[in-house]
Amino acid sequence: MKYKKQTLSAVILGIFLGVAVSMSVTVSAFKQDKTLLPLQEIRKFNEVMALIKSDYVEEVNEKQLITDAIRGMLSGLDPHSAYLDSEEFAELQVDTSGKFGGLGIEVGMENGFVKVISPIDDTPAAKAGIKAGDLIIRLDEIQVKGKTLNEAVNIMRGNAGEPIVLTVVREGEVAPIEIKIIRDIITVKSVKQRLLEANYGYLRISSFQADTSSAAKQGLQTLEKTNNGKLKGLVLDLRNNPGGVLGAAVGVSDLFLKQGRIVNTEGRVADSEMNYDATDFDLMEGKPIIVLVNQGSASASEIVSGALQDHDRALILGEKTFGKGSVQTVLPIDTTTAVKLTTARYFTPAGRSIQAKGIIPDIEVEQREFADKKQENSAFDAISEADLNGHLSNPEKDKKEKDKKEKDKKTDEKKDTVAKVDKSTEDDYQLFEALNILKGMSLYQSNLSK
């Protein structure tokens, strides 16, 4: 990978408030803006501040007034820019450990309410049934309207074992839903893997942390070891992955690309313009890949899926992604406070900006339950002779079954141990479809090589 040196500060992708993000933060001074300050507007600001100090019903703290003014200035730019006071800046740095007390959801603001971008795998929020797209309107008895995102996140965080009731508005529901969640210590493990069946692997990335690309590489190696050989295909699951560190998205993309642009960023200052290119290395050696995405796949997830889609390296399956195509940079003001500022837009290898548009899957498949899934103990199951107690056996059938068992036994003795077929596809329609298509792609590729 060709990295342009980043001297300004840490670059992040995602809205990681209440979510662990690995990053390094360096203190740097802001560049002086040579443009003239709007003196008339500054006088107006001073006059308003003086009026508040003299006439407001209660005595106000000047420092808090200035802090609130800064927050308002940044919140007016876009949903992702924010001021981080000493407590919030410290929390951001604590989050780099990947361990914190809370619910385990990735959130943003929409029309004054907290919107769930995605729940994190295996966290209290995910287990309680919180879904991407939920709009949180109340936290216990506290109304969310009027609170900043940071204030809402602080309420949701807490000690392990402490309960909180989230009142959410959900599309398709006629009334708000109350969901009780017990806070826990959230430890984010960004990569998981398993065999779906012999020769076909599944790699799940739930967020992009600093070590995600190395963890993904190790996950692929584990899959090959479990499979006792190279994989014929891979499902890369980025559903409900809210994003994370830019370098991790580049690193994961590079695991599957041998050459070409992965992503580039463009902004107003030179430091925000960066190009990231692939190295001559593809862990899957050209074998077919299907990437699963949905509306909870945001930012860094969209970089990976966009890069693999533009290079025709993977088939994207699922639902349209979130559409966050901007880059946030943490700019320390001093040793205790900072500004999280949107500094650039990113573009896929084909020059696409997915901002407010998202990645459109090559194959759009909504998540649904299997309509033809057989109900257990159904009273309408057909009954045949073979179901009757004491039925006569079929001598020809018995002989065939005996011969088959002997043959299977000999085959099993010769084969190395391979993980059994993963049954999770029976409850995951999108994954089920992905595996079927992946096997077809593998067969087609195999026939072409003959």
Protein backbone atom coordinates (compact mmCIF):
# COMPACT_ATOMS: atom_id res chain seq x y z
CA MET A 1 0.00 0.00 0.00
CA LYS A 2 1.18 3.49 -0.81
CA TYR A 3 0.38 5.80 2.06
CA LYS A 4 0.83 9.52 1.93
CA LYS A 5 2.27 10.65 5.24
CA GLN A 6 -0.45 11.85 7.61
CA THR A 7 0.90 14.61 9.81
CA LEU A 8 -2.28 16.38 10.83
CA SER A 9 -4.00 13.89 13.12
CA ALA A 10 -5.93 10.66 13.34
CA VAL A 11 -8.28 9.85 10.46
CA ILE A 12 -11.45 7.99 11.27
CA LEU A 13 -14.48 6.80 9.36
CA GLY A 14 -17.73 6.37 11.23
CA ILE A 15 -19.61 8.08 14.04
CA PHE A 16 -17.97 6.25 16.90
CA LEU A 17 -19.63 7.54 20.03
CA GLY A 18 -20.14 4.63 22.39
CA VAL A 19 -18.17 2.34 20.07
CA ALA A 20 -14.55 1.33 20.49
CA VAL A 21 -12.24 2.85 17.88
CA SER A 22 -8.52 2.37 17.70
CA MET A 23 -6.58 5.45 16.72
CA SER A 24 -3.51 7.44 17.58
CA VAL A 25 -3.95 11.12 18.37
CA THR A 26 -1.19 13.66 18.11
CA VAL A 27 -1.30 17.24 19.32
CA SER A 28 -0.85 19.74 16.52
CA ALA A 29 -1.53 23.44 16.09
CA PHE A 30 -4.13 24.68 13.67
CA LYS A 31 -2.88 26.40 10.58
CA GLN A 32 -3.53 30.12 10.67
CA ASP A 33 -6.30 31.23 8.34
CA LYS A 34 -5.16 34.35 6.51
CA THR A 35 -8.70 35.43 5.60
CA LEU A 36 -10.06 38.45 7.44
CA LEU A 37 -12.37 37.78 10.38
CA PRO A 38 -15.98 39.04 10.04
CA LEU A 39 -15.69 41.74 12.70
CA GLN A 40 -19.34 42.78 12.49
CA GLU A 41 -20.49 39.21 13.21
CA ILE A 42 -17.99 38.86 16.06
CA ARG A 43 -19.38 42.07 17.59
CA LYS A 44 -22.86 40.58 17.29
CA PHE A 45 -21.67 37.42 19.04
CA ASN A 46 -20.19 39.49 21.89
CA GLU A 47 -23.40 41.51 22.23
CA VAL A 48 -25.55 38.38 22.43
CA MET A 49 -23.20 36.89 25.01
CA ALA A 50 -23.34 40.11 27.04
CA LEU A 51 -27.15 40.11 26.92
CA ILE A 52 -27.27 36.51 28.16
CA LYS A 53 -24.88 37.33 31.00
CA SER A 54 -26.85 40.38 32.09
CA ASP A 55 -30.50 39.51 31.40
CA TYR A 56 -30.87 35.72 31.44
CA VAL A 57 -33.12 34.47 34.23
CA GLU A 58 -30.26 32.63 35.92
CA GLU A 59 -26.56 33.35 36.26
CA VAL A 60 -24.59 31.62 33.52
CA ASN A 61 -21.06 30.31 33.29
CA GLU A 62 -19.06 32.15 30.61
CA LYS A 63 -16.91 29.12 29.87
CA GLN A 64 -19.99 26.97 29.32
CA LEU A 65 -21.49 29.63 27.03
CA ILE A 66 -18.40 29.57 24.82
CA THR A 67 -18.33 25.77 24.80
CA ASP A 68 -22.00 25.66 23.77
CA ALA A 69 -21.31 28.20 21.04
CA ILE A 70 -18.50 26.05 19.67
CA ARG A 71 -20.74 22.97 19.77
CA GLY A 72 -23.45 24.83 17.88
CA MET A 73 -20.98 26.08 15.29
CA LEU A 74 -19.76 22.54 14.58
CA SER A 75 -23.16 20.84 14.71
CA GLY A 76 -24.37 23.27 12.06
CA LEU A 77 -21.80 21.93 9.60
CA ASP A 78 -22.85 18.27 9.33
CA PRO A 79 -24.00 15.41 11.59
CA HIS A 80 -20.47 14.11 12.15
CA SER A 81 -18.47 17.18 13.17
CA ALA A 82 -18.34 17.76 16.92
CA TYR A 83 -16.49 19.48 19.75
CA LEU A 84 -14.85 17.15 22.27
CA ASP A 85 -14.41 18.65 25.71
CA SER A 86 -11.90 17.21 28.17
CA GLU A 87 -14.27 14.45 29.33
CA GLU A 88 -15.34 13.46 25.81
CA PHE A 89 -11.77 13.59 24.49
CA ALA A 90 -10.62 11.37 27.35
CA GLU A 91 -13.47 8.93 26.64
CA LEU A 92 -12.49 8.80 22.98
CA GLN A 93 -8.97 7.81 23.93
CA VAL A 94 -10.22 5.28 26.49
CA ASP A 95 -12.33 3.71 23.75
CA THR A 96 -9.17 2.76 21.88
CA SER A 97 -8.83 -0.17 24.28
CA GLY A 98 -11.89 -1.71 22.62
CA LYS A 99 -13.52 -2.12 26.03
CA PHE A 100 -16.13 0.09 27.65
CA GLY A 101 -19.36 -0.03 29.64
CA GLY A 102 -22.52 0.52 27.64
CA LEU A 103 -25.08 -0.93 25.24
CA GLY A 104 -23.11 -1.61 22.06
CA ILE A 105 -24.76 0.52 19.38
CA GLU A 106 -23.46 2.83 16.69
CA VAL A 107 -25.51 6.03 16.64
CA GLY A 108 -25.97 9.36 14.90
CA MET A 109 -28.41 12.28 15.06
CA GLU A 110 -31.49 12.73 12.87
CA ASN A 111 -34.05 15.51 13.34
CA GLY A 112 -33.03 15.94 16.96
CA PHE A 113 -33.33 12.26 17.83
CA VAL A 114 -30.70 9.53 18.16
CA LYS A 115 -30.72 7.19 15.16
CA VAL A 116 -29.28 3.68 15.38
CA ILE A 117 -26.87 3.09 12.52
CA SER A 118 -26.23 -0.47 13.66
CA PRO A 119 -26.05 -2.64 16.77
CA ILE A 120 -22.67 -4.28 17.42
CA ASP A 121 -22.55 -8.07 17.28
CA ASP A 122 -22.96 -9.98 20.55
CA THR A 123 -23.71 -6.89 22.65
CA PRO A 124 -26.70 -6.16 24.94
CA ALA A 125 -28.28 -3.93 22.28
CA ALA A 126 -28.09 -6.61 19.58
CA LYS A 127 -29.41 -9.30 21.94
CA ALA A 128 -32.30 -7.08 23.07
CA GLY A 129 -33.48 -6.59 19.49
CA ILE A 130 -32.28 -3.07 18.63
CA LYS A 131 -32.21 -2.72 14.84
CA ALA A 132 -30.47 -0.46 12.34
CA GLY A 133 -32.74 2.47 11.53
CA ASP A 134 -34.41 2.61 14.95
CA LEU A 135 -35.02 6.18 16.13
CA ILE A 136 -34.46 6.57 19.89
CA ILE A 137 -36.86 9.17 21.32
CA ARG A 138 -36.53 8.52 25.06
CA LEU A 139 -33.89 7.14 27.44
CA ASP A 140 -35.68 5.88 30.55
CA GLU A 141 -37.85 8.94 31.30
CA ILE A 142 -35.49 11.43 29.64
CA GLN A 143 -36.59 12.96 26.33
CA VAL A 144 -33.87 12.83 23.68
CA LYS A 145 -35.18 15.88 21.82
CA GLY A 146 -33.04 18.87 22.72
CA LYS A 147 -30.02 16.85 23.81
CA THR A 148 -26.77 16.66 21.90
CA LEU A 149 -25.52 13.32 20.62
CA ASN A 150 -22.75 13.34 23.23
CA GLU A 151 -25.25 13.95 26.02
CA ALA A 152 -27.45 11.09 24.82
CA VAL A 153 -24.46 8.75 24.55
CA ASN A 154 -23.36 9.65 28.08
CA ILE A 155 -26.80 8.67 29.36
CA MET A 156 -26.67 5.34 27.52
CA ARG A 157 -23.25 4.51 28.91
CA GLY A 158 -22.93 3.24 32.45
CA ASN A 159 -21.79 0.44 34.71
CA ALA A 160 -22.29 -3.19 33.79
CA GLY A 161 -25.53 -4.60 35.20
CA GLU A 162 -27.40 -1.28 35.19
CA PRO A 163 -30.66 -1.38 33.16
CA ILE A 164 -31.98 1.27 30.80
CA VAL A 165 -35.21 1.42 28.80
CA LEU A 166 -34.96 2.76 25.26
CA THR A 167 -38.14 4.00 23.61
CA VAL A 168 -37.73 3.67 19.85
CA VAL A 169 -39.74 4.49 16.77
CA ARG A 170 -39.37 1.76 14.16
CA GLU A 171 -40.48 1.71 10.55
CA GLY A 172 -43.49 -0.55 10.14
CA GLU A 173 -44.58 -0.21 13.78
CA VAL A 174 -47.67 1.86 14.55
CA ALA A 175 -46.50 2.89 18.04
CA PRO A 176 -43.17 3.44 19.81
CA ILE A 177 -41.51 0.34 21.28
CA GLU A 178 -39.95 0.13 24.72
CA ILE A 179 -36.84 -2.06 24.88
CA LYS A 180 -35.13 -2.83 28.18
CA ILE A 181 -31.37 -3.36 27.96
CA ILE A 182 -28.92 -4.35 30.70
CA ARG A 183 -25.61 -2.54 30.29
CA ASP A 184 -22.49 -4.64 30.07
CA ILE A 185 -18.77 -4.35 29.44
CA ILE A 186 -18.52 -4.08 25.67
CA THR A 187 -15.47 -5.79 24.26
CA VAL A 188 -15.39 -5.41 20.52
CA LYS A 189 -13.89 -8.30 18.58
CA SER A 190 -13.95 -7.07 15.03
CA VAL A 191 -13.34 -10.32 13.12
CA LYS A 192 -14.94 -13.76 13.32
CA GLN A 193 -14.71 -16.69 10.93
CA ARG A 194 -16.17 -20.14 10.31
CA LEU A 195 -16.65 -22.68 7.53
CA LEU A 196 -20.11 -22.66 5.99
CA GLU A 197 -19.30 -26.04 4.53
CA ALA A 198 -16.24 -27.76 3.11
CA ASN A 199 -14.23 -25.34 0.91
CA TYR A 200 -16.48 -22.31 1.54
CA GLY A 201 -15.55 -19.82 4.23
CA TYR A 202 -17.35 -17.04 6.07
CA LEU A 203 -15.53 -13.96 7.39
CA ARG A 204 -17.49 -11.51 9.52
CA ILE A 205 -16.11 -8.00 10.18
CA SER A 206 -18.23 -6.05 12.67
CA SER A 207 -16.12 -2.86 12.79
CA PHE A 208 -12.84 -1.52 11.44
CA GLN A 209 -10.24 -1.13 14.19
CA ALA A 210 -6.50 -0.59 13.89
CA ASP A 211 -5.77 -4.34 13.97
CA THR A 212 -8.72 -5.47 11.81
CA SER A 213 -6.76 -6.14 8.61
CA SER A 214 -4.23 -8.35 10.43
CA ALA A 215 -7.10 -10.10 12.26
CA ALA A 216 -8.87 -10.68 8.93
CA LYS A 217 -5.69 -12.14 7.44
CA GLN A 218 -5.32 -14.45 10.42
CA GLY A 219 -9.00 -15.38 10.10
CA LEU A 220 -8.50 -16.46 6.49
CA GLN A 221 -5.48 -18.53 7.46
CA THR A 222 -7.54 -20.18 10.22
CA LEU A 223 -10.27 -21.02 7.69
CA GLU A 224 -7.75 -22.69 5.37
CA LYS A 225 -6.29 -24.65 8.25
CA THR A 226 -9.75 -25.82 9.34
CA ASN A 227 -10.57 -26.68 5.73
CA ASN A 228 -7.30 -28.59 5.29
CA GLY A 229 -6.60 -26.65 2.13
CA LYS A 230 -7.38 -23.58 0.04
CA LEU A 231 -10.93 -22.25 -0.05
CA LYS A 232 -13.01 -22.33 -3.21
CA GLY A 233 -14.96 -19.23 -2.19
CA LEU A 234 -15.54 -16.72 0.59
CA VAL A 235 -18.49 -14.77 1.99
CA LEU A 236 -17.33 -11.46 3.51
CA ASP A 237 -20.06 -10.18 5.83
CA LEU A 238 -20.09 -6.39 6.36
CA ARG A 239 -23.75 -6.11 7.38
CA ASN A 240 -24.37 -3.67 10.24
CA ASN A 241 -20.70 -2.67 10.19
CA PRO A 242 -20.70 1.08 10.97
CA GLY A 243 -17.12 1.77 9.88
CA GLY A 244 -14.01 2.75 11.81
CA VAL A 245 -10.40 3.45 10.97
CA LEU A 246 -9.59 4.35 7.37
CA GLY A 247 -6.32 2.38 7.36
CA ALA A 248 -8.17 -0.78 8.39
CA ALA A 249 -10.60 -0.47 5.47
CA VAL A 250 -7.66 -0.03 3.10
CA GLY A 251 -5.85 -3.02 4.66
CA VAL A 252 -8.85 -5.35 4.35
CA SER A 253 -9.43 -4.32 0.73
CA ASP A 254 -5.76 -4.96 -0.01
CA LEU A 255 -6.09 -8.57 1.17
CA PHE A 256 -8.13 -9.31 -1.96
CA LEU A 257 -6.75 -6.91 -4.59
CA LYS A 258 -3.52 -7.36 -6.52
CA GLN A 259 -3.33 -3.90 -8.06
CA GLY A 260 -5.07 -0.58 -8.59
CA ARG A 261 -6.60 2.18 -6.52
CA ILE A 262 -8.48 1.26 -3.34
CA VAL A 263 -9.74 4.69 -2.33
CA ASN A 264 -8.77 8.33 -2.51
CA THR A 265 -9.80 11.25 -0.32
CA GLU A 266 -10.25 14.85 -1.38
CA GLY A 267 -10.58 17.96 0.78
CA ARG A 268 -9.61 21.62 0.94
CA VAL A 269 -6.20 21.17 2.59
CA ALA A 270 -3.27 19.22 1.21
CA ASP A 271 -3.16 16.84 4.17
CA SER A 272 -6.68 15.64 3.40
CA GLU A 273 -5.83 14.52 -0.14
CA MET A 274 -4.57 10.94 -0.02
CA ASN A 275 -4.36 8.02 -2.43
CA TYR A 276 -4.34 4.38 -1.32
CA ASP A 277 -3.28 1.66 -3.77
CA ALA A 278 -3.24 -2.12 -3.56
CA THR A 279 -0.12 -4.24 -3.37
CA ASP A 280 0.55 -7.35 -5.46
CA PHE A 281 -1.15 -9.69 -3.01
CA ASP A 282 -4.49 -11.55 -3.02
CA LEU A 283 -5.01 -14.00 -0.20
CA MET A 284 -7.89 -15.67 -2.04
CA GLU A 285 -5.83 -16.03 -5.23
CA GLY A 286 -8.69 -14.89 -7.45
CA LYS A 287 -11.27 -17.26 -5.98
CA PRO A 288 -14.84 -15.86 -5.93
CA ILE A 289 -15.95 -13.56 -3.10
CA ILE A 290 -19.41 -12.36 -2.16
CA VAL A 291 -19.74 -9.31 0.10
CA LEU A 292 -22.90 -9.02 2.22
CA VAL A 293 -24.12 -5.47 2.98
CA ASN A 294 -27.26 -3.76 4.29
CA GLN A 295 -28.42 -0.31 5.45
CA GLY A 296 -26.25 -0.65 8.55
CA SER A 297 -23.08 -0.98 6.44
CA ALA A 298 -21.47 2.46 6.58
CA SER A 299 -18.31 4.39 5.82
CA ALA A 300 -15.31 2.03 5.98
CA SER A 301 -17.61 -0.85 5.01
CA GLU A 302 -18.60 1.10 1.94
CA ILE A 303 -14.94 1.71 1.06
CA VAL A 304 -14.27 -2.03 1.04
CA SER A 305 -17.41 -3.01 -0.84
CA GLY A 306 -16.97 -0.13 -3.31
CA ALA A 307 -13.34 -1.02 -4.03
CA LEU A 308 -14.06 -4.71 -4.58
CA GLN A 309 -17.10 -3.86 -6.69
CA ASP A 310 -15.25 -1.37 -8.93
CA HIS A 311 -12.43 -3.86 -9.54
CA ASP A 312 -14.95 -6.67 -10.30
CA ARG A 313 -13.24 -8.63 -7.54
CA ALA A 314 -16.40 -9.44 -5.59
CA LEU A 315 -20.14 -9.65 -6.03
CA ILE A 316 -22.01 -7.33 -3.66
CA LEU A 317 -25.23 -8.86 -2.32
CA GLY A 318 -27.86 -7.54 0.08
CA GLU A 319 -29.39 -4.08 0.50
CA LYS A 320 -28.27 -0.52 -0.28
CA THR A 321 -25.71 0.71 2.23
CA PHE A 322 -25.90 3.70 4.58
CA GLY A 323 -24.18 6.26 2.34
CA LYS A 324 -21.56 7.94 4.51
CA GLY A 325 -18.80 9.12 2.21
CA SER A 326 -16.98 11.60 4.45
CA VAL A 327 -13.81 11.44 6.52
CA GLN A 328 -13.52 12.85 10.04
CA THR A 329 -10.22 14.03 11.49
CA VAL A 330 -9.57 14.48 15.22
CA LEU A 331 -7.82 17.85 15.59
CA PRO A 332 -6.53 18.42 19.14
CA ILE A 333 -6.88 22.02 20.33
CA ASP A 334 -4.71 21.35 23.37
CA THR A 335 -3.82 18.33 25.49
CA THR A 336 -7.38 17.93 26.83
CA THR A 337 -9.82 19.08 24.13
CA ALA A 338 -10.26 18.48 20.41
CA VAL A 339 -12.48 19.00 17.40
CA LYS A 340 -13.78 16.08 15.32
CA LEU A 341 -14.08 17.75 11.95
CA THR A 342 -15.21 16.48 8.55
CA THR A 343 -12.15 17.21 6.42
CA ALA A 344 -12.60 15.20 3.23
CA ARG A 345 -14.81 13.11 0.99
CA TYR A 346 -13.67 9.71 -0.16
CA PHE A 347 -14.09 8.24 -3.64
CA THR A 348 -14.11 4.65 -4.88
CA PRO A 349 -11.62 3.50 -7.55
CA ALA A 350 -14.11 4.42 -10.29
CA GLY A 351 -14.40 7.95 -8.87
CA ARG A 352 -17.78 7.39 -7.23
CA SER A 353 -18.82 9.34 -4.16
CA ILE A 354 -21.30 7.32 -2.12
CA GLN A 355 -22.19 10.28 0.13
CA ALA A 356 -25.95 10.15 0.79
CA LYS A 357 -26.23 7.55 -1.99
CA GLY A 358 -24.68 4.36 -0.68
CA ILE A 359 -23.39 1.29 -2.50
CA ILE A 360 -26.02 -0.39 -4.67
CA PRO A 361 -25.60 -4.20 -4.48
CA ASP A 362 -25.04 -6.17 -7.68
CA ILE A 363 -27.78 -8.48 -6.43
CA GLU A 364 -30.40 -6.89 -4.17
CA VAL A 365 -31.70 -9.39 -1.62
CA GLU A 366 -33.79 -8.34 1.36
CA GLN A 367 -33.46 -10.22 4.61
CA ARG A 368 -36.48 -12.42 5.15
CA GLU A 369 -37.58 -15.62 6.77
CA PHE A 370 -37.92 -18.81 4.78
CA ALA A 371 -41.57 -19.05 3.77
CA ASP A 372 -41.31 -22.73 3.02
CA LYS A 373 -39.53 -23.66 6.25
CA LYS A 374 -41.21 -26.81 7.50
CA GLN A 375 -42.99 -26.39 10.81
CA GLU A 376 -42.16 -28.86 13.50
CA ASN A 377 -44.91 -31.35 14.46
CA SER A 378 -47.23 -30.01 11.78
CA ALA A 379 -50.60 -31.74 11.78
CA PHE A 380 -50.64 -31.52 8.00
CA ASP A 381 -47.41 -33.41 7.32
CA ALA A 382 -48.09 -36.19 4.86
CA ILE A 383 -47.98 -39.70 6.33
CA SER A 384 -46.66 -42.64 4.36
CA GLU A 385 -46.33 -46.34 4.92
CA ALA A 386 -42.84 -45.87 6.27
CA ASP A 387 -44.26 -43.74 9.12
CA LEU A 388 -46.49 -46.52 10.44
CA ASN A 389 -45.28 -48.50 13.43
CA GLY A 390 -44.39 -52.11 12.59
CA HIS A 391 -44.34 -51.55 8.82
CA LEU A 392 -42.68 -54.21 6.70
CA SER A 393 -39.17 -53.41 5.54
CA ASN A 394 -38.13 -53.26 1.91
CA PRO A 395 -35.39 -55.86 1.34
CA GLU A 396 -33.96 -54.06 -1.68
CA LYS A 397 -33.90 -50.76 0.16
CA ASP A 398 -32.29 -52.34 3.23
CA LYS A 399 -29.51 -53.84 1.08
CA LYS A 400 -28.85 -50.51 -0.68
CA GLU A 401 -28.70 -48.65 2.63
CA LYS A 402 -26.26 -51.21 4.05
CA ASP A 403 -23.98 -50.93 1.00
CA LYS A 404 -24.13 -47.13 1.19
CA LYS A 405 -23.16 -47.11 4.88
CA GLU A 406 -20.14 -49.31 4.16
CA LYS A 407 -19.07 -47.06 1.30
CA ASP A 408 -19.50 -43.90 3.39
CA LYS A 409 -17.49 -45.43 6.22
CA LYS A 410 -14.56 -46.19 3.93
CA THR A 411 -14.73 -42.70 2.42
CA ASP A 412 -14.72 -41.10 5.88
CA GLU A 413 -11.65 -43.08 6.87
CA LYS A 414 -9.72 -41.73 3.90
CA LYS A 415 -10.83 -38.10 4.28
CA ASP A 416 -9.20 -35.67 6.63
CA THR A 417 -11.42 -34.13 9.27
CA VAL A 418 -13.31 -31.09 7.92
CA ALA A 419 -15.78 -28.95 9.85
CA LYS A 420 -19.41 -29.96 9.47
CA VAL A 421 -21.82 -27.88 7.41
CA ASP A 422 -22.74 -24.71 9.27
CA LYS A 423 -26.50 -24.68 9.89
CA SER A 424 -26.69 -20.89 10.37
CA THR A 425 -27.58 -20.41 6.69
CA GLU A 426 -30.95 -22.01 7.42
CA ASP A 427 -31.93 -18.92 9.46
CA ASP A 428 -30.16 -16.27 7.37
CA TYR A 429 -31.77 -15.84 3.97
CA GLN A 430 -29.13 -13.46 2.60
CA LEU A 431 -26.30 -15.75 3.68
CA PHE A 432 -28.16 -18.75 2.25
CA GLU A 433 -28.46 -17.01 -1.12
CA ALA A 434 -24.82 -15.89 -0.99
CA LEU A 435 -23.57 -19.43 -0.42
CA ASN A 436 -25.65 -20.82 -3.29
CA ILE A 437 -24.42 -18.14 -5.70
CA LEU A 438 -20.84 -18.54 -4.44
CA LYS A 439 -20.90 -22.26 -5.23
CA GLY A 440 -22.19 -21.51 -8.71
CA MET A 441 -19.44 -18.94 -9.28
CA SER A 442 -16.82 -21.43 -8.08
CA LEU A 443 -18.14 -24.12 -10.43
CA TYR A 444 -18.15 -21.70 -13.36
CA GLN A 445 -14.59 -20.56 -12.59
CA SER A 446 -13.46 -24.18 -12.30
CA ASN A 447 -14.97 -25.05 -15.70
CA LEU A 448 -13.26 -22.06 -17.33
CA SER A 449 -9.86 -23.20 -16.06
CA LYS A 450 -10.21 -26.68 -17.63
